[in-house]
Amino acid sequence: MPSADKKPHVFVINDTVAILELFTTLLEEEGYRVTTDGFSVEMGELLRRVKADRPDVLVLDFIIQDEGKGWQFLQLLKMDRETREIPVIVCTAAAKLVEDLQMHLDNMHVGVVLKPFDIDNVLHGLEKALASPVAGAG
């Protein structure tokens, strides 16, 4: 585990407040610094927030307000020079969507944790994303 002043920073984006609270509690207990967003702003503003925060890894829901806004936001992140290297883990119950997009997700080096999830799977995904050669490159 890194020293206290350099905790890995995880940015969690999900439109369900209970999920954001759960991630905050669980990840802070594991020594991560956590920022959350309920997808309360338009995508351009959310992208600016991610750029300003420079997280070590992003945890993103695919289905936001019953729409595929998470996928749209992921594409926006990966197209932007400043954010394309940030590792992303998609945390979603949309198993069919993930299956349909698996090739694209693999090409973007995006990890997937399906809901309902086990916290150990999430932690493993975070460790894997943080150790990825894509992390910090660029």
C-alpha atoms as a PDB file:
ATOM      1  CA  MET A   1       0.000   0.000   0.000  1.00  0.00           C
ATOM      2  CA  PRO A   2       1.411   3.419  -0.922  1.00  0.00           C
ATOM      3  CA  SER A   3       2.293   5.912   1.783  1.00  0.00           C
ATOM      4  CA  ALA A   4      -0.573   7.983   3.199  1.00  0.00           C
ATOM      5  CA  ASP A   5       0.330  11.073   1.182  1.00  0.00           C
ATOM      6  CA  LYS A   6       0.147   9.159  -2.117  1.00  0.00           C
ATOM      7  CA  LYS A   7      -3.039   7.153  -1.847  1.00  0.00           C
ATOM      8  CA  PRO A   8      -4.272   6.032  -5.252  1.00  0.00           C
ATOM      9  CA  HIS A   9      -7.086   8.338  -6.353  1.00  0.00           C
ATOM     10  CA  VAL A  10     -10.270   6.649  -7.593  1.00  0.00           C
ATOM     11  CA  PHE A  11     -12.983   8.698  -9.336  1.00  0.00           C
ATOM     12  CA  VAL A  12     -16.364   6.907  -9.210  1.00  0.00           C
ATOM     13  CA  ILE A  13     -19.154   7.958 -11.583  1.00  0.00           C
ATOM     14  CA  ASN A  14     -22.591   6.471 -10.964  1.00  0.00           C
ATOM     15  CA  ASP A  15     -26.111   7.939 -10.854  1.00  0.00           C
ATOM     16  CA  THR A  16     -27.095   5.896  -7.772  1.00  0.00           C
ATOM     17  CA  VAL A  17     -26.254   7.693  -4.524  1.00  0.00           C
ATOM     18  CA  ALA A  18     -26.202   4.439  -2.512  1.00  0.00           C
ATOM     19  CA  ILE A  19     -23.576   2.966  -4.880  1.00  0.00           C
ATOM     20  CA  LEU A  20     -21.437   6.115  -4.589  1.00  0.00           C
ATOM     21  CA  GLU A  21     -21.656   5.939  -0.786  1.00  0.00           C
ATOM     22  CA  LEU A  22     -20.798   2.236  -0.823  1.00  0.00           C
ATOM     23  CA  PHE A  23     -17.759   2.761  -3.057  1.00  0.00           C
ATOM     24  CA  THR A  24     -16.587   5.687  -0.926  1.00  0.00           C
ATOM     25  CA  THR A  25     -16.819   3.704   2.312  1.00  0.00           C
ATOM     26  CA  LEU A  26     -15.277   0.501   0.970  1.00  0.00           C
ATOM     27  CA  LEU A  27     -12.466   2.108  -1.011  1.00  0.00           C
ATOM     28  CA  GLU A  28     -11.482   4.568   1.732  1.00  0.00           C
ATOM     29  CA  GLU A  29     -11.265   1.611   4.144  1.00  0.00           C
ATOM     30  CA  GLU A  30      -8.831   0.038   1.670  1.00  0.00           C
ATOM     31  CA  GLY A  31      -6.674   3.174   1.619  1.00  0.00           C
ATOM     32  CA  TYR A  32      -7.863   4.826  -1.584  1.00  0.00           C
ATOM     33  CA  ARG A  33      -8.688   8.504  -1.987  1.00  0.00           C
ATOM     34  CA  VAL A  34     -12.186   8.668  -3.490  1.00  0.00           C
ATOM     35  CA  THR A  35     -13.969  11.315  -5.557  1.00  0.00           C
ATOM     36  CA  THR A  36     -17.529  10.681  -6.703  1.00  0.00           C
ATOM     37  CA  ASP A  37     -19.916  12.191  -9.203  1.00  0.00           C
ATOM     38  CA  GLY A  38     -23.567  11.323  -9.686  1.00  0.00           C
ATOM     39  CA  PHE A  39     -23.465  12.294 -13.362  1.00  0.00           C
ATOM     40  CA  SER A  40     -25.214  15.461 -12.236  1.00  0.00           C
ATOM     41  CA  VAL A  41     -23.725  17.667 -14.977  1.00  0.00           C
ATOM     42  CA  GLU A  42     -23.442  17.459 -18.729  1.00  0.00           C
ATOM     43  CA  MET A  43     -20.627  15.376 -20.199  1.00  0.00           C
ATOM     44  CA  GLY A  44     -18.354  18.258 -21.146  1.00  0.00           C
ATOM     45  CA  GLU A  45     -18.396  19.544 -17.561  1.00  0.00           C
ATOM     46  CA  LEU A  46     -17.828  16.042 -16.182  1.00  0.00           C
ATOM     47  CA  LEU A  47     -14.854  15.642 -18.529  1.00  0.00           C
ATOM     48  CA  ARG A  48     -13.439  18.940 -17.195  1.00  0.00           C
ATOM     49  CA  ARG A  49     -13.844  17.633 -13.626  1.00  0.00           C
ATOM     50  CA  VAL A  50     -11.957  14.439 -14.470  1.00  0.00           C
ATOM     51  CA  LYS A  51      -9.181  16.484 -16.106  1.00  0.00           C
ATOM     52  CA  ALA A  52      -8.952  18.762 -13.055  1.00  0.00           C
ATOM     53  CA  ASP A  53      -8.859  15.845 -10.591  1.00  0.00           C
ATOM     54  CA  ARG A  54      -6.408  13.651 -12.572  1.00  0.00           C
ATOM     55  CA  PRO A  55      -7.524  10.381 -10.917  1.00  0.00           C
ATOM     56  CA  ASP A  56      -5.322   7.289 -11.017  1.00  0.00           C
ATOM     57  CA  VAL A  57      -8.323   5.194 -12.095  1.00  0.00           C
ATOM     58  CA  LEU A  58     -11.968   5.807 -13.012  1.00  0.00           C
ATOM     59  CA  VAL A  59     -14.888   3.531 -12.059  1.00  0.00           C
ATOM     60  CA  LEU A  60     -17.785   4.161 -14.419  1.00  0.00           C
ATOM     61  CA  ASP A  61     -21.354   2.885 -14.644  1.00  0.00           C
ATOM     62  CA  PHE A  62     -22.621   2.268 -18.189  1.00  0.00           C
ATOM     63  CA  ILE A  63     -26.320   2.898 -17.718  1.00  0.00           C
ATOM     64  CA  ILE A  64     -26.920   6.391 -16.382  1.00  0.00           C
ATOM     65  CA  GLN A  65     -30.527   7.601 -15.979  1.00  0.00           C
ATOM     66  CA  ASP A  66     -31.730   4.618 -18.054  1.00  0.00           C
ATOM     67  CA  GLU A  67     -29.504   5.602 -20.968  1.00  0.00           C
ATOM     68  CA  GLY A  68     -26.115   4.460 -22.223  1.00  0.00           C
ATOM     69  CA  LYS A  69     -24.451   7.704 -21.113  1.00  0.00           C
ATOM     70  CA  GLY A  70     -21.618   5.828 -19.413  1.00  0.00           C
ATOM     71  CA  TRP A  71     -20.569   4.315 -22.750  1.00  0.00           C
ATOM     72  CA  GLN A  72     -20.801   7.740 -24.392  1.00  0.00           C
ATOM     73  CA  PHE A  73     -18.678   9.245 -21.613  1.00  0.00           C
ATOM     74  CA  LEU A  74     -16.119   6.442 -21.918  1.00  0.00           C
ATOM     75  CA  GLN A  75     -15.759   7.202 -25.620  1.00  0.00           C
ATOM     76  CA  LEU A  76     -15.330  10.904 -24.797  1.00  0.00           C
ATOM     77  CA  LEU A  77     -12.603  10.051 -22.240  1.00  0.00           C
ATOM     78  CA  LYS A  78     -10.738   7.812 -24.661  1.00  0.00           C
ATOM     79  CA  MET A  79     -10.865  10.383 -27.482  1.00  0.00           C
ATOM     80  CA  ASP A  80      -9.415  13.166 -25.327  1.00  0.00           C
ATOM     81  CA  ARG A  81      -5.621  13.485 -25.299  1.00  0.00           C
ATOM     82  CA  GLU A  82      -5.571  14.458 -21.593  1.00  0.00           C
ATOM     83  CA  THR A  83      -7.749  11.609 -20.318  1.00  0.00           C
ATOM     84  CA  ARG A  84      -7.243   8.700 -22.720  1.00  0.00           C
ATOM     85  CA  GLU A  85      -4.514   7.114 -20.561  1.00  0.00           C
ATOM     86  CA  ILE A  86      -6.571   7.069 -17.345  1.00  0.00           C
ATOM     87  CA  PRO A  87      -7.415   3.417 -16.593  1.00  0.00           C
ATOM     88  CA  VAL A  88     -11.173   2.770 -16.508  1.00  0.00           C
ATOM     89  CA  ILE A  89     -13.182   0.027 -14.860  1.00  0.00           C
ATOM     90  CA  VAL A  90     -16.792  -0.292 -15.968  1.00  0.00           C
ATOM     91  CA  CYS A  91     -19.031  -1.402 -13.104  1.00  0.00           C
ATOM     92  CA  THR A  92     -22.434  -2.297 -14.522  1.00  0.00           C
ATOM     93  CA  ALA A  93     -25.336  -4.721 -14.449  1.00  0.00           C
ATOM     94  CA  ALA A  94     -25.667  -4.416 -18.245  1.00  0.00           C
ATOM     95  CA  ALA A  95     -24.068  -7.781 -19.018  1.00  0.00           C
ATOM     96  CA  LYS A  96     -25.497  -7.937 -22.555  1.00  0.00           C
ATOM     97  CA  LEU A  97     -24.154  -4.477 -23.385  1.00  0.00           C
ATOM     98  CA  VAL A  98     -20.716  -5.449 -22.059  1.00  0.00           C
ATOM     99  CA  GLU A  99     -20.825  -8.633 -24.143  1.00  0.00           C
ATOM    100  CA  ASP A 100     -21.749  -6.624 -27.265  1.00  0.00           C
ATOM    101  CA  LEU A 101     -18.955  -4.100 -26.615  1.00  0.00           C
ATOM    102  CA  GLN A 102     -16.290  -6.509 -25.295  1.00  0.00           C
ATOM    103  CA  MET A 103     -13.987  -6.135 -28.307  1.00  0.00           C
ATOM    104  CA  HIS A 104     -14.086  -2.323 -28.022  1.00  0.00           C
ATOM    105  CA  LEU A 105     -13.538  -2.492 -24.246  1.00  0.00           C
ATOM    106  CA  ASP A 106     -10.550  -4.799 -24.726  1.00  0.00           C
ATOM    107  CA  ASN A 107      -9.070  -2.460 -27.333  1.00  0.00           C
ATOM    108  CA  MET A 108      -9.448   0.466 -24.910  1.00  0.00           C
ATOM    109  CA  HIS A 109      -7.948  -1.604 -22.048  1.00  0.00           C
ATOM    110  CA  VAL A 110     -11.114  -1.148 -19.994  1.00  0.00           C
ATOM    111  CA  GLY A 111     -11.764  -3.542 -17.115  1.00  0.00           C
ATOM    112  CA  VAL A 112     -15.275  -4.768 -16.325  1.00  0.00           C
ATOM    113  CA  VAL A 113     -16.898  -5.699 -13.017  1.00  0.00           C
ATOM    114  CA  LEU A 114     -20.502  -6.865 -13.337  1.00  0.00           C
ATOM    115  CA  LYS A 115     -23.137  -6.023 -10.715  1.00  0.00           C
ATOM    116  CA  PRO A 116     -24.017  -7.408  -8.305  1.00  0.00           C
ATOM    117  CA  PHE A 117     -20.335  -7.288  -7.518  1.00  0.00           C
ATOM    118  CA  ASP A 118     -18.092  -8.687  -4.851  1.00  0.00           C
ATOM    119  CA  ILE A 119     -15.845  -5.969  -3.375  1.00  0.00           C
ATOM    120  CA  ASP A 120     -12.850  -8.282  -3.825  1.00  0.00           C
ATOM    121  CA  ASN A 121     -13.509  -8.301  -7.581  1.00  0.00           C
ATOM    122  CA  VAL A 122     -13.605  -4.495  -7.572  1.00  0.00           C
ATOM    123  CA  LEU A 123     -10.368  -4.277  -5.561  1.00  0.00           C
ATOM    124  CA  HIS A 124      -8.684  -6.774  -7.880  1.00  0.00           C
ATOM    125  CA  GLY A 125      -9.847  -4.735 -10.876  1.00  0.00           C
ATOM    126  CA  LEU A 126      -8.449  -1.556  -9.314  1.00  0.00           C
ATOM    127  CA  GLU A 127      -5.094  -3.186  -8.548  1.00  0.00           C
ATOM    128  CA  LYS A 128      -4.914  -4.528 -12.097  1.00  0.00           C
ATOM    129  CA  ALA A 129      -5.826  -1.125 -13.584  1.00  0.00           C
ATOM    130  CA  LEU A 130      -3.269   0.687 -11.430  1.00  0.00           C
ATOM    131  CA  ALA A 131      -0.549  -1.791 -12.434  1.00  0.00           C
ATOM    132  CA  SER A 132      -1.446  -1.507 -16.119  1.00  0.00           C
ATOM    133  CA  PRO A 133       1.297  -0.222 -18.439  1.00  0.00           C
ATOM    134  CA  VAL A 134      -1.314   2.200 -19.844  1.00  0.00           C
ATOM    135  CA  ALA A 135      -1.596   3.904 -16.434  1.00  0.00           C
ATOM    136  CA  GLY A 136       0.537   7.006 -16.296  1.00  0.00           C
ATOM    137  CA  ALA A 137       1.726   6.623 -19.891  1.00  0.00           C
ATOM    138  CA  GLY A 138       1.476   9.407 -22.367  1.00  0.00           C
END
